[in-house]
Amino acid sequence: MTKLILIVEDEPRNLTLLRDLLQVSGYKTIEATDGEQGVELAKSNKPDLILMDVQMPKMDGLEATRILKADANTKNIPIICITSSAMKGDREKIIQAGCDDYMSKPVDINEVLNKVAEMLETGK
């Protein structure tokens, strides 16, 4: 059965890269361009995994993650945060918000595929 991955990313080039990479690798994707839309799509589609950007309009990825992790219907969906914030303490802040893992931008395509496969297999 094909796994469904929600990509929440406001930067068109990053969104296209992630979508194309995942679809070529056999995953089905749905996309959101802000945190509010990401929360709505996660609740209505219950994806197997979420790739979540941090800095977005309307609602940032950390707030969207907190909302999803507080909801009984979406709390078990693994979330990988993808961020350009790679400063000291950012990882801890991201994990405290409820993300199960994180990657820094620019992403390495092999790292993305490996983390996605691992997360889908283990659930964390």
PDB file of N, CA and C in Angstrom:
ATOM      1  N   MET A   1       0.846  -1.192   0.000  1.00  0.00           N
ATOM      2  CA  MET A   1       0.000   0.000   0.000  1.00  0.00           C
ATOM      3  C   MET A   1       0.883   1.245   0.000  1.00  0.00           C
ATOM      4  N   THR A   2       0.588   2.179  -0.862  1.00  0.00           N
ATOM      5  CA  THR A   2       1.370   3.400  -0.984  1.00  0.00           C
ATOM      6  C   THR A   2       1.166   4.288   0.235  1.00  0.00           C
ATOM      7  N   LYS A   3       2.264   4.772   0.792  1.00  0.00           N
ATOM      8  CA  LYS A   3       2.217   5.659   1.955  1.00  0.00           C
ATOM      9  C   LYS A   3       1.936   7.095   1.498  1.00  0.00           C
ATOM     10  N   LEU A   4       1.128   7.784   2.304  1.00  0.00           N
ATOM     11  CA  LEU A   4       0.769   9.167   2.017  1.00  0.00           C
ATOM     12  C   LEU A   4       1.590  10.105   2.903  1.00  0.00           C
ATOM     13  N   ILE A   5       2.257  11.060   2.274  1.00  0.00           N
ATOM     14  CA  ILE A   5       3.089  12.020   2.996  1.00  0.00           C
ATOM     15  C   ILE A   5       2.559  13.426   2.731  1.00  0.00           C
ATOM     16  N   LEU A   6       2.335  14.147   3.824  1.00  0.00           N
ATOM     17  CA  LEU A   6       1.929  15.552   3.739  1.00  0.00           C
ATOM     18  C   LEU A   6       3.180  16.414   3.809  1.00  0.00           C
ATOM     19  N   ILE A   7       3.371  17.260   2.811  1.00  0.00           N
ATOM     20  CA  ILE A   7       4.484  18.208   2.784  1.00  0.00           C
ATOM     21  C   ILE A   7       3.910  19.585   3.095  1.00  0.00           C
ATOM     22  N   VAL A   8       4.402  20.200   4.168  1.00  0.00           N
ATOM     23  CA  VAL A   8       3.957  21.543   4.544  1.00  0.00           C
ATOM     24  C   VAL A   8       5.161  22.467   4.362  1.00  0.00           C
ATOM     25  N   GLU A   9       5.144  23.230   3.273  1.00  0.00           N
ATOM     26  CA  GLU A   9       6.304  24.044   2.865  1.00  0.00           C
ATOM     27  C   GLU A   9       5.817  25.214   2.036  1.00  0.00           C
ATOM     28  N   ASP A  10       6.240  26.425   2.396  1.00  0.00           N
ATOM     29  CA  ASP A  10       5.771  27.610   1.669  1.00  0.00           C
ATOM     30  C   ASP A  10       6.677  28.026   0.520  1.00  0.00           C
ATOM     31  N   GLU A  11       7.887  27.539   0.465  1.00  0.00           N
ATOM     32  CA  GLU A  11       8.828  27.923  -0.593  1.00  0.00           C
ATOM     33  C   GLU A  11       8.613  26.999  -1.791  1.00  0.00           C
ATOM     34  N   PRO A  12       8.164  27.530  -2.927  1.00  0.00           N
ATOM     35  CA  PRO A  12       7.804  26.685  -4.069  1.00  0.00           C
ATOM     36  C   PRO A  12       8.902  25.723  -4.536  1.00  0.00           C
ATOM     37  N   ARG A  13      10.151  26.177  -4.582  1.00  0.00           N
ATOM     38  CA  ARG A  13      11.224  25.284  -5.050  1.00  0.00           C
ATOM     39  C   ARG A  13      11.438  24.114  -4.097  1.00  0.00           C
ATOM     40  N   ASN A  14      11.390  24.392  -2.795  1.00  0.00           N
ATOM     41  CA  ASN A  14      11.549  23.309  -1.814  1.00  0.00           C
ATOM     42  C   ASN A  14      10.378  22.334  -1.891  1.00  0.00           C
ATOM     43  N   LEU A  15       9.175  22.868  -2.051  1.00  0.00           N
ATOM     44  CA  LEU A  15       7.983  22.031  -2.158  1.00  0.00           C
ATOM     45  C   LEU A  15       8.081  21.122  -3.386  1.00  0.00           C
ATOM     46  N   THR A  16       8.463  21.690  -4.509  1.00  0.00           N
ATOM     47  CA  THR A  16       8.604  20.917  -5.748  1.00  0.00           C
ATOM     48  C   THR A  16       9.668  19.838  -5.601  1.00  0.00           C
ATOM     49  N   LEU A  17      10.812  20.186  -5.017  1.00  0.00           N
ATOM     50  CA  LEU A  17      11.887  19.210  -4.816  1.00  0.00           C
ATOM     51  C   LEU A  17      11.409  18.038  -3.967  1.00  0.00           C
ATOM     52  N   LEU A  18      10.786  18.338  -2.827  1.00  0.00           N
ATOM     53  CA  LEU A  18      10.327  17.273  -1.936  1.00  0.00           C
ATOM     54  C   LEU A  18       9.237  16.430  -2.595  1.00  0.00           C
ATOM     55  N   ARG A  19       8.274  17.085  -3.240  1.00  0.00           N
ATOM     56  CA  ARG A  19       7.188  16.351  -3.905  1.00  0.00           C
ATOM     57  C   ARG A  19       7.738  15.419  -4.978  1.00  0.00           C
ATOM     58  N   ASP A  20       8.596  15.953  -5.849  1.00  0.00           N
ATOM     59  CA  ASP A  20       9.143  15.142  -6.941  1.00  0.00           C
ATOM     60  C   ASP A  20       9.984  13.992  -6.405  1.00  0.00           C
ATOM     61  N   LEU A  21      10.808  14.264  -5.419  1.00  0.00           N
ATOM     62  CA  LEU A  21      11.662  13.237  -4.831  1.00  0.00           C
ATOM     63  C   LEU A  21      10.818  12.103  -4.233  1.00  0.00           C
ATOM     64  N   LEU A  22       9.801  12.458  -3.482  1.00  0.00           N
ATOM     65  CA  LEU A  22       8.966  11.443  -2.828  1.00  0.00           C
ATOM     66  C   LEU A  22       8.106  10.684  -3.839  1.00  0.00           C
ATOM     67  N   GLN A  23       7.548  11.378  -4.809  1.00  0.00           N
ATOM     68  CA  GLN A  23       6.708  10.696  -5.790  1.00  0.00           C
ATOM     69  C   GLN A  23       7.515   9.740  -6.661  1.00  0.00           C
ATOM     70  N   VAL A  24       8.716  10.149  -7.061  1.00  0.00           N
ATOM     71  CA  VAL A  24       9.583   9.273  -7.848  1.00  0.00           C
ATOM     72  C   VAL A  24       9.973   8.036  -7.033  1.00  0.00           C
ATOM     73  N   SER A  25      10.006   8.187  -5.716  1.00  0.00           N
ATOM     74  CA  SER A  25      10.365   7.080  -4.830  1.00  0.00           C
ATOM     75  C   SER A  25       9.157   6.217  -4.454  1.00  0.00           C
ATOM     76  N   GLY A  26       7.992   6.517  -5.033  1.00  0.00           N
ATOM     77  CA  GLY A  26       6.828   5.670  -4.842  1.00  0.00           C
ATOM     78  C   GLY A  26       5.839   6.105  -3.780  1.00  0.00           C
ATOM     79  N   TYR A  27       6.036   7.284  -3.204  1.00  0.00           N
ATOM     80  CA  TYR A  27       5.107   7.781  -2.196  1.00  0.00           C
ATOM     81  C   TYR A  27       4.045   8.662  -2.852  1.00  0.00           C
ATOM     82  N   LYS A  28       2.879   8.720  -2.226  1.00  0.00           N
ATOM     83  CA  LYS A  28       1.834   9.645  -2.634  1.00  0.00           C
ATOM     84  C   LYS A  28       1.994  10.882  -1.758  1.00  0.00           C
ATOM     85  N   THR A  29       1.809  12.073  -2.327  1.00  0.00           N
ATOM     86  CA  THR A  29       1.974  13.295  -1.542  1.00  0.00           C
ATOM     87  C   THR A  29       0.748  14.197  -1.660  1.00  0.00           C
ATOM     88  N   ILE A  30       0.553  14.970  -0.592  1.00  0.00           N
ATOM     89  CA  ILE A  30      -0.371  16.094  -0.607  1.00  0.00           C
ATOM     90  C   ILE A  30       0.423  17.263  -0.053  1.00  0.00           C
ATOM     91  N   GLU A  31       0.059  18.483  -0.440  1.00  0.00           N
ATOM     92  CA  GLU A  31       0.860  19.637  -0.059  1.00  0.00           C
ATOM     93  C   GLU A  31       0.036  20.746   0.551  1.00  0.00           C
ATOM     94  N   ALA A  32       0.689  21.443   1.483  1.00  0.00           N
ATOM     95  CA  ALA A  32       0.123  22.648   2.088  1.00  0.00           C
ATOM     96  C   ALA A  32       1.212  23.714   2.062  1.00  0.00           C
ATOM     97  N   THR A  33       0.800  24.975   1.934  1.00  0.00           N
ATOM     98  CA  THR A  33       1.786  26.061   1.849  1.00  0.00           C
ATOM     99  C   THR A  33       1.822  26.942   3.096  1.00  0.00           C
ATOM    100  N   ASP A  34       1.060  26.572   4.130  1.00  0.00           N
ATOM    101  CA  ASP A  34       1.161  27.264   5.413  1.00  0.00           C
ATOM    102  C   ASP A  34       0.702  26.313   6.521  1.00  0.00           C
ATOM    103  N   GLY A  35       0.970  26.684   7.750  1.00  0.00           N
ATOM    104  CA  GLY A  35       0.666  25.820   8.875  1.00  0.00           C
ATOM    105  C   GLY A  35      -0.818  25.542   9.052  1.00  0.00           C
ATOM    106  N   GLU A  36      -1.657  26.550   8.834  1.00  0.00           N
ATOM    107  CA  GLU A  36      -3.109  26.355   8.978  1.00  0.00           C
ATOM    108  C   GLU A  36      -3.614  25.301   8.000  1.00  0.00           C
ATOM    109  N   GLN A  37      -3.211  25.441   6.754  1.00  0.00           N
ATOM    110  CA  GLN A  37      -3.619  24.483   5.727  1.00  0.00           C
ATOM    111  C   GLN A  37      -3.051  23.098   6.045  1.00  0.00           C
ATOM    112  N   GLY A  38      -1.831  23.051   6.571  1.00  0.00           N
ATOM    113  CA  GLY A  38      -1.211  21.789   6.946  1.00  0.00           C
ATOM    114  C   GLY A  38      -2.008  21.059   8.018  1.00  0.00           C
ATOM    115  N   VAL A  39      -2.455  21.803   9.027  1.00  0.00           N
ATOM    116  CA  VAL A  39      -3.269  21.211  10.092  1.00  0.00           C
ATOM    117  C   VAL A  39      -4.567  20.661   9.505  1.00  0.00           C
ATOM    118  N   GLU A  40      -5.235  21.447   8.657  1.00  0.00           N
ATOM    119  CA  GLU A  40      -6.493  21.009   8.038  1.00  0.00           C
ATOM    120  C   GLU A  40      -6.304  19.735   7.219  1.00  0.00           C
ATOM    121  N   LEU A  41      -5.253  19.703   6.386  1.00  0.00           N
ATOM    122  CA  LEU A  41      -5.016  18.529   5.546  1.00  0.00           C
ATOM    123  C   LEU A  41      -4.631  17.310   6.378  1.00  0.00           C
ATOM    124  N   ALA A  42      -3.868  17.508   7.438  1.00  0.00           N
ATOM    125  CA  ALA A  42      -3.491  16.387   8.303  1.00  0.00           C
ATOM    126  C   ALA A  42      -4.727  15.788   8.969  1.00  0.00           C
ATOM    127  N   LYS A  43      -5.624  16.654   9.432  1.00  0.00           N
ATOM    128  CA  LYS A  43      -6.838  16.171  10.105  1.00  0.00           C
ATOM    129  C   LYS A  43      -7.786  15.476   9.127  1.00  0.00           C
ATOM    130  N   SER A  44      -7.886  15.969   7.914  1.00  0.00           N
ATOM    131  CA  SER A  44      -8.835  15.393   6.962  1.00  0.00           C
ATOM    132  C   SER A  44      -8.283  14.190   6.184  1.00  0.00           C
ATOM    133  N   ASN A  45      -6.959  14.104   6.039  1.00  0.00           N
ATOM    134  CA  ASN A  45      -6.367  13.027   5.231  1.00  0.00           C
ATOM    135  C   ASN A  45      -5.601  11.984   6.031  1.00  0.00           C
ATOM    136  N   LYS A  46      -5.278  12.277   7.268  1.00  0.00           N
ATOM    137  CA  LYS A  46      -4.518  11.370   8.150  1.00  0.00           C
ATOM    138  C   LYS A  46      -3.326  10.723   7.408  1.00  0.00           C
ATOM    139  N   PRO A  47      -2.344  11.546   7.002  1.00  0.00           N
ATOM    140  CA  PRO A  47      -1.191  11.004   6.274  1.00  0.00           C
ATOM    141  C   PRO A  47      -0.359  10.073   7.168  1.00  0.00           C
ATOM    142  N   ASP A  48       0.486   9.289   6.531  1.00  0.00           N
ATOM    143  CA  ASP A  48       1.369   8.382   7.270  1.00  0.00           C
ATOM    144  C   ASP A  48       2.556   9.118   7.872  1.00  0.00           C
ATOM    145  N   LEU A  49       2.871  10.293   7.310  1.00  0.00           N
ATOM    146  CA  LEU A  49       4.034  11.072   7.733  1.00  0.00           C
ATOM    147  C   LEU A  49       3.829  12.518   7.291  1.00  0.00           C
ATOM    148  N   ILE A  50       4.412  13.442   8.066  1.00  0.00           N
ATOM    149  CA  ILE A  50       4.369  14.860   7.705  1.00  0.00           C
ATOM    150  C   ILE A  50       5.788  15.412   7.658  1.00  0.00           C
ATOM    151  N   LEU A  51       6.114  16.115   6.580  1.00  0.00           N
ATOM    152  CA  LEU A  51       7.346  16.896   6.495  1.00  0.00           C
ATOM    153  C   LEU A  51       6.926  18.343   6.711  1.00  0.00           C
ATOM    154  N   MET A  52       7.425  18.967   7.783  1.00  0.00           N
ATOM    155  CA  MET A  52       6.930  20.269   8.227  1.00  0.00           C
ATOM    156  C   MET A  52       8.027  21.316   8.221  1.00  0.00           C
ATOM    157  N   ASP A  53       7.831  22.370   7.420  1.00  0.00           N
ATOM    158  CA  ASP A  53       8.716  23.539   7.462  1.00  0.00           C
ATOM    159  C   ASP A  53       8.416  24.299   8.758  1.00  0.00           C
ATOM    160  N   VAL A  54       9.368  25.103   9.230  1.00  0.00           N
ATOM    161  CA  VAL A  54       9.135  25.873  10.452  1.00  0.00           C
ATOM    162  C   VAL A  54       8.602  27.258  10.144  1.00  0.00           C
ATOM    163  N   GLN A  55       9.312  28.015   9.337  1.00  0.00           N
ATOM    164  CA  GLN A  55       8.929  29.407   9.081  1.00  0.00           C
ATOM    165  C   GLN A  55       7.988  29.483   7.889  1.00  0.00           C
ATOM    166  N   MET A  56       6.704  29.772   8.205  1.00  0.00           N
ATOM    167  CA  MET A  56       5.671  29.864   7.170  1.00  0.00           C
ATOM    168  C   MET A  56       4.682  30.958   7.543  1.00  0.00           C
ATOM    169  N   PRO A  57       3.929  31.433   6.544  1.00  0.00           N
ATOM    170  CA  PRO A  57       2.898  32.429   6.844  1.00  0.00           C
ATOM    171  C   PRO A  57       1.714  31.810   7.587  1.00  0.00           C
ATOM    172  N   LYS A  58       0.900  32.673   8.163  1.00  0.00           N
ATOM    173  CA  LYS A  58      -0.330  32.336   8.887  1.00  0.00           C
ATOM    174  C   LYS A  58      -0.063  31.600  10.187  1.00  0.00           C
ATOM    175  N   MET A  59       0.626  30.466  10.137  1.00  0.00           N
ATOM    176  CA  MET A  59       0.948  29.689  11.329  1.00  0.00           C
ATOM    177  C   MET A  59       2.259  28.970  11.068  1.00  0.00           C
ATOM    178  N   ASP A  60       3.218  29.112  11.996  1.00  0.00           N
ATOM    179  CA  ASP A  60       4.496  28.448  11.759  1.00  0.00           C
ATOM    180  C   ASP A  60       4.378  26.940  12.018  1.00  0.00           C
ATOM    181  N   GLY A  61       5.392  26.222  11.586  1.00  0.00           N
ATOM    182  CA  GLY A  61       5.375  24.768  11.688  1.00  0.00           C
ATOM    183  C   GLY A  61       5.385  24.235  13.107  1.00  0.00           C
ATOM    184  N   LEU A  62       6.000  24.968  14.032  1.00  0.00           N
ATOM    185  CA  LEU A  62       6.029  24.497  15.413  1.00  0.00           C
ATOM    186  C   LEU A  62       4.644  24.597  16.045  1.00  0.00           C
ATOM    187  N   GLU A  63       3.914  25.673  15.764  1.00  0.00           N
ATOM    188  CA  GLU A  63       2.552  25.801  16.272  1.00  0.00           C
ATOM    189  C   GLU A  63       1.648  24.743  15.639  1.00  0.00           C
ATOM    190  N   ALA A  64       1.792  24.527  14.337  1.00  0.00           N
ATOM    191  CA  ALA A  64       1.007  23.490  13.654  1.00  0.00           C
ATOM    192  C   ALA A  64       1.296  22.123  14.267  1.00  0.00           C
ATOM    193  N   THR A  65       2.561  21.855  14.567  1.00  0.00           N
ATOM    194  CA  THR A  65       2.934  20.581  15.187  1.00  0.00           C
ATOM    195  C   THR A  65       2.291  20.440  16.558  1.00  0.00           C
ATOM    196  N   ARG A  66       2.344  21.497  17.358  1.00  0.00           N
ATOM    197  CA  ARG A  66       1.724  21.441  18.692  1.00  0.00           C
ATOM    198  C   ARG A  66       0.237  21.110  18.602  1.00  0.00           C
ATOM    199  N   ILE A  67      -0.447  21.722  17.648  1.00  0.00           N
ATOM    200  CA  ILE A  67      -1.882  21.469  17.464  1.00  0.00           C
ATOM    201  C   ILE A  67      -2.122  20.012  17.079  1.00  0.00           C
ATOM    202  N   LEU A  68      -1.342  19.514  16.135  1.00  0.00           N
ATOM    203  CA  LEU A  68      -1.520  18.130  15.678  1.00  0.00           C
ATOM    204  C   LEU A  68      -1.189  17.120  16.771  1.00  0.00           C
ATOM    205  N   LYS A  69      -0.157  17.381  17.558  1.00  0.00           N
ATOM    206  CA  LYS A  69       0.240  16.450  18.613  1.00  0.00           C
ATOM    207  C   LYS A  69      -0.721  16.496  19.804  1.00  0.00           C
ATOM    208  N   ALA A  70      -1.492  17.580  19.926  1.00  0.00           N
ATOM    209  CA  ALA A  70      -2.470  17.690  21.013  1.00  0.00           C
ATOM    210  C   ALA A  70      -3.811  17.053  20.640  1.00  0.00           C
ATOM    211  N   ASP A  71      -4.001  16.703  19.386  1.00  0.00           N
ATOM    212  CA  ASP A  71      -5.254  16.135  18.901  1.00  0.00           C
ATOM    213  C   ASP A  71      -5.148  14.606  18.885  1.00  0.00           C
ATOM    214  N   ALA A  72      -6.080  13.939  19.528  1.00  0.00           N
ATOM    215  CA  ALA A  72      -6.055  12.473  19.616  1.00  0.00           C
ATOM    216  C   ALA A  72      -6.062  11.804  18.239  1.00  0.00           C
ATOM    217  N   ASN A  73      -6.663  12.440  17.249  1.00  0.00           N
ATOM    218  CA  ASN A  73      -6.752  11.847  15.909  1.00  0.00           C
ATOM    219  C   ASN A  73      -5.477  11.989  15.089  1.00  0.00           C
ATOM    220  N   THR A  74      -4.588  12.917  15.463  1.00  0.00           N
ATOM    221  CA  THR A  74      -3.382  13.147  14.666  1.00  0.00           C
ATOM    222  C   THR A  74      -2.088  13.020  15.476  1.00  0.00           C
ATOM    223  N   LYS A  75      -2.189  12.799  16.772  1.00  0.00           N
ATOM    224  CA  LYS A  75      -0.991  12.820  17.616  1.00  0.00           C
ATOM    225  C   LYS A  75       0.034  11.742  17.278  1.00  0.00           C
ATOM    226  N   ASN A  76      -0.388  10.659  16.658  1.00  0.00           N
ATOM    227  CA  ASN A  76       0.548   9.577  16.352  1.00  0.00           C
ATOM    228  C   ASN A  76       1.154   9.658  14.955  1.00  0.00           C
ATOM    229  N   ILE A  77       0.810  10.697  14.211  1.00  0.00           N
ATOM    230  CA  ILE A  77       1.417  10.869  12.888  1.00  0.00           C
ATOM    231  C   ILE A  77       2.835  11.406  13.100  1.00  0.00           C
ATOM    232  N   PRO A  78       3.850  10.687  12.617  1.00  0.00           N
ATOM    233  CA  PRO A  78       5.224  11.189  12.766  1.00  0.00           C
ATOM    234  C   PRO A  78       5.423  12.473  11.969  1.00  0.00           C
ATOM    235  N   ILE A  79       6.163  13.408  12.574  1.00  0.00           N
ATOM    236  CA  ILE A  79       6.452  14.688  11.926  1.00  0.00           C
ATOM    237  C   ILE A  79       7.962  14.902  11.889  1.00  0.00           C
ATOM    238  N   ILE A  80       8.471  15.115  10.685  1.00  0.00           N
ATOM    239  CA  ILE A  80       9.875  15.492  10.502  1.00  0.00           C
ATOM    240  C   ILE A  80       9.893  16.971  10.155  1.00  0.00           C
ATOM    241  N   CYS A  81      10.545  17.749  10.980  1.00  0.00           N
ATOM    242  CA  CYS A  81      10.673  19.174  10.743  1.00  0.00           C
ATOM    243  C   CYS A  81      11.833  19.413   9.778  1.00  0.00           C
ATOM    244  N   ILE A  82      11.604  20.254   8.787  1.00  0.00           N
ATOM    245  CA  ILE A  82      12.666  20.639   7.856  1.00  0.00           C
ATOM    246  C   ILE A  82      12.820  22.149   7.989  1.00  0.00           C
ATOM    247  N   THR A  83      14.005  22.576   8.421  1.00  0.00           N
ATOM    248  CA  THR A  83      14.180  23.988   8.758  1.00  0.00           C
ATOM    249  C   THR A  83      15.531  24.530   8.336  1.00  0.00           C
ATOM    250  N   SER A  84      15.562  25.826   8.120  1.00  0.00           N
ATOM    251  CA  SER A  84      16.841  26.501   7.872  1.00  0.00           C
ATOM    252  C   SER A  84      17.453  26.941   9.200  1.00  0.00           C
ATOM    253  N   SER A  85      16.724  26.753  10.294  1.00  0.00           N
ATOM    254  CA  SER A  85      17.228  27.099  11.633  1.00  0.00           C
ATOM    255  C   SER A  85      18.100  25.964  12.157  1.00  0.00           C
ATOM    256  N   ALA A  86      19.379  26.176  12.098  1.00  0.00           N
ATOM    257  CA  ALA A  86      20.310  25.148  12.563  1.00  0.00           C
ATOM    258  C   ALA A  86      21.223  25.717  13.646  1.00  0.00           C
ATOM    259  N   MET A  87      20.699  26.638  14.416  1.00  0.00           N
ATOM    260  CA  MET A  87      21.468  27.264  15.484  1.00  0.00           C
ATOM    261  C   MET A  87      21.436  26.384  16.730  1.00  0.00           C
ATOM    262  N   LYS A  88      22.371  26.634  17.626  1.00  0.00           N
ATOM    263  CA  LYS A  88      22.410  25.899  18.879  1.00  0.00           C
ATOM    264  C   LYS A  88      21.082  26.093  19.622  1.00  0.00           C
ATOM    265  N   GLY A  89      20.495  25.008  20.069  1.00  0.00           N
ATOM    266  CA  GLY A  89      19.235  25.058  20.793  1.00  0.00           C
ATOM    267  C   GLY A  89      18.010  24.872  19.915  1.00  0.00           C
ATOM    268  N   ASP A  90      18.157  25.011  18.590  1.00  0.00           N
ATOM    269  CA  ASP A  90      16.999  24.862  17.699  1.00  0.00           C
ATOM    270  C   ASP A  90      16.454  23.434  17.711  1.00  0.00           C
ATOM    271  N   ARG A  91      17.350  22.447  17.710  1.00  0.00           N
ATOM    272  CA  ARG A  91      16.904  21.047  17.722  1.00  0.00           C
ATOM    273  C   ARG A  91      16.027  20.789  18.942  1.00  0.00           C
ATOM    274  N   GLU A  92      16.465  21.258  20.110  1.00  0.00           N
ATOM    275  CA  GLU A  92      15.707  21.038  21.336  1.00  0.00           C
ATOM    276  C   GLU A  92      14.329  21.707  21.258  1.00  0.00           C
ATOM    277  N   LYS A  93      14.298  22.933  20.730  1.00  0.00           N
ATOM    278  CA  LYS A  93      13.037  23.666  20.590  1.00  0.00           C
ATOM    279  C   LYS A  93      12.085  22.919  19.649  1.00  0.00           C
ATOM    280  N   ILE A  94      12.626  22.384  18.590  1.00  0.00           N
ATOM    281  CA  ILE A  94      11.836  21.662  17.598  1.00  0.00           C
ATOM    282  C   ILE A  94      11.276  20.364  18.191  1.00  0.00           C
ATOM    283  N   ILE A  95      12.107  19.625  18.905  1.00  0.00           N
ATOM    284  CA  ILE A  95      11.666  18.372  19.530  1.00  0.00           C
ATOM    285  C   ILE A  95      10.641  18.662  20.630  1.00  0.00           C
ATOM    286  N   GLN A  96      10.862  19.723  21.407  1.00  0.00           N
ATOM    287  CA  GLN A  96       9.903  20.091  22.463  1.00  0.00           C
ATOM    288  C   GLN A  96       8.533  20.444  21.885  1.00  0.00           C
ATOM    289  N   ALA A  97       8.500  20.973  20.682  1.00  0.00           N
ATOM    290  CA  ALA A  97       7.221  21.319  20.043  1.00  0.00           C
ATOM    291  C   ALA A  97       6.453  20.068  19.627  1.00  0.00           C
ATOM    292  N   GLY A  98       7.140  18.927  19.585  1.00  0.00           N
ATOM    293  CA  GLY A  98       6.472  17.679  19.244  1.00  0.00           C
ATOM    294  C   GLY A  98       6.961  16.999  17.986  1.00  0.00           C
ATOM    295  N   CYS A  99       7.901  17.620  17.273  1.00  0.00           N
ATOM    296  CA  CYS A  99       8.443  16.974  16.074  1.00  0.00           C
ATOM    297  C   CYS A  99       9.212  15.722  16.481  1.00  0.00           C
ATOM    298  N   ASP A 100       9.110  14.694  15.664  1.00  0.00           N
ATOM    299  CA  ASP A 100       9.772  13.433  15.972  1.00  0.00           C
ATOM    300  C   ASP A 100      11.228  13.427  15.523  1.00  0.00           C
ATOM    301  N   ASP A 101      11.556  14.277  14.567  1.00  0.00           N
ATOM    302  CA  ASP A 101      12.940  14.390  14.093  1.00  0.00           C
ATOM    303  C   ASP A 101      13.025  15.689  13.306  1.00  0.00           C
ATOM    304  N   TYR A 102      14.258  16.035  12.910  1.00  0.00           N
ATOM    305  CA  TYR A 102      14.391  17.235  12.084  1.00  0.00           C
ATOM    306  C   TYR A 102      15.587  17.134  11.160  1.00  0.00           C
ATOM    307  N   MET A 103      15.525  17.906  10.084  1.00  0.00           N
ATOM    308  CA  MET A 103      16.612  18.029   9.116  1.00  0.00           C
ATOM    309  C   MET A 103      16.785  19.507   8.821  1.00  0.00           C
ATOM    310  N   SER A 104      18.022  19.890   8.554  1.00  0.00           N
ATOM    311  CA  SER A 104      18.266  21.288   8.225  1.00  0.00           C
ATOM    312  C   SER A 104      18.341  21.467   6.706  1.00  0.00           C
ATOM    313  N   LYS A 105      17.966  22.656   6.271  1.00  0.00           N
ATOM    314  CA  LYS A 105      18.042  23.032   4.862  1.00  0.00           C
ATOM    315  C   LYS A 105      19.422  23.605   4.595  1.00  0.00           C
ATOM    316  N   PRO A 106      19.934  23.469   3.393  1.00  0.00           N
ATOM    317  CA  PRO A 106      19.342  22.737   2.290  1.00  0.00           C
ATOM    318  C   PRO A 106      19.360  21.229   2.568  1.00  0.00           C
ATOM    319  N   VAL A 107      18.311  20.545   2.152  1.00  0.00           N
ATOM    320  CA  VAL A 107      18.209  19.121   2.441  1.00  0.00           C
ATOM    321  C   VAL A 107      19.090  18.309   1.509  1.00  0.00           C
ATOM    322  N   ASP A 108      19.535  17.200   2.027  1.00  0.00           N
ATOM    323  CA  ASP A 108      20.268  16.207   1.245  1.00  0.00           C
ATOM    324  C   ASP A 108      19.234  15.169   0.818  1.00  0.00           C
ATOM    325  N   ILE A 109      19.097  14.911  -0.473  1.00  0.00           N
ATOM    326  CA  ILE A 109      18.026  14.031  -0.936  1.00  0.00           C
ATOM    327  C   ILE A 109      18.139  12.620  -0.366  1.00  0.00           C
ATOM    328  N   ASN A 110      19.351  12.126  -0.210  1.00  0.00           N
ATOM    329  CA  ASN A 110      19.518  10.791   0.380  1.00  0.00           C
ATOM    330  C   ASN A 110      19.091  10.782   1.840  1.00  0.00           C
ATOM    331  N   GLU A 111      19.405  11.853   2.572  1.00  0.00           N
ATOM    332  CA  GLU A 111      18.998  11.952   3.970  1.00  0.00           C
ATOM    333  C   GLU A 111      17.477  11.994   4.083  1.00  0.00           C
ATOM    334  N   VAL A 112      16.837  12.743   3.188  1.00  0.00           N
ATOM    335  CA  VAL A 112      15.374  12.822   3.204  1.00  0.00           C
ATOM    336  C   VAL A 112      14.785  11.432   3.011  1.00  0.00           C
ATOM    337  N   LEU A 113      15.229  10.740   1.979  1.00  0.00           N
ATOM    338  CA  LEU A 113      14.676   9.411   1.692  1.00  0.00           C
ATOM    339  C   LEU A 113      14.952   8.425   2.819  1.00  0.00           C
ATOM    340  N   ASN A 114      16.149   8.478   3.392  1.00  0.00           N
ATOM    341  CA  ASN A 114      16.481   7.573   4.502  1.00  0.00           C
ATOM    342  C   ASN A 114      15.638   7.857   5.727  1.00  0.00           C
ATOM    343  N   LYS A 115      15.490   9.144   6.091  1.00  0.00           N
ATOM    344  CA  LYS A 115      14.689   9.493   7.273  1.00  0.00           C
ATOM    345  C   LYS A 115      13.216   9.153   7.067  1.00  0.00           C
ATOM    346  N   VAL A 116      12.701   9.420   5.874  1.00  0.00           N
ATOM    347  CA  VAL A 116      11.310   9.102   5.580  1.00  0.00           C
ATOM    348  C   VAL A 116      11.080   7.596   5.707  1.00  0.00           C
ATOM    349  N   ALA A 117      11.936   6.797   5.094  1.00  0.00           N
ATOM    350  CA  ALA A 117      11.788   5.339   5.161  1.00  0.00           C
ATOM    351  C   ALA A 117      11.889   4.839   6.598  1.00  0.00           C
ATOM    352  N   GLU A 118      12.854   5.367   7.347  1.00  0.00           N
ATOM    353  CA  GLU A 118      13.029   4.965   8.738  1.00  0.00           C
ATOM    354  C   GLU A 118      11.810   5.346   9.582  1.00  0.00           C
ATOM    355  N   MET A 119      11.337   6.554   9.400  1.00  0.00           N
ATOM    356  CA  MET A 119      10.191   7.032  10.184  1.00  0.00           C
ATOM    357  C   MET A 119       8.932   6.227   9.856  1.00  0.00           C
ATOM    358  N   LEU A 120       8.724   5.913   8.598  1.00  0.00           N
ATOM    359  CA  LEU A 120       7.551   5.131   8.214  1.00  0.00           C
ATOM    360  C   LEU A 120       7.632   3.703   8.749  1.00  0.00           C
ATOM    361  N   GLU A 121       8.844   3.182   8.832  1.00  0.00           N
ATOM    362  CA  GLU A 121       9.044   1.828   9.345  1.00  0.00           C
ATOM    363  C   GLU A 121       8.899   1.740  10.846  1.00  0.00           C
ATOM    364  N   THR A 122       9.487   2.694  11.549  1.00  0.00           N
ATOM    365  CA  THR A 122       9.507   2.625  13.020  1.00  0.00           C
ATOM    366  C   THR A 122       8.445   3.484  13.687  1.00  0.00           C
ATOM    367  N   GLY A 123       7.921   4.462  12.974  1.00  0.00           N
ATOM    368  CA  GLY A 123       6.971   5.379  13.572  1.00  0.00           C
ATOM    369  C   GLY A 123       7.641   6.467  14.405  1.00  0.00           C
ATOM    370  N   LYS A 124       8.983   6.433  14.438  1.00  0.00           N
ATOM    371  CA  LYS A 124       9.739   7.490  15.105  1.00  0.00           C
ATOM    372  C   LYS A 124      11.184   7.467  14.709  1.00  0.00           C
TER     373      LYS A 124
END
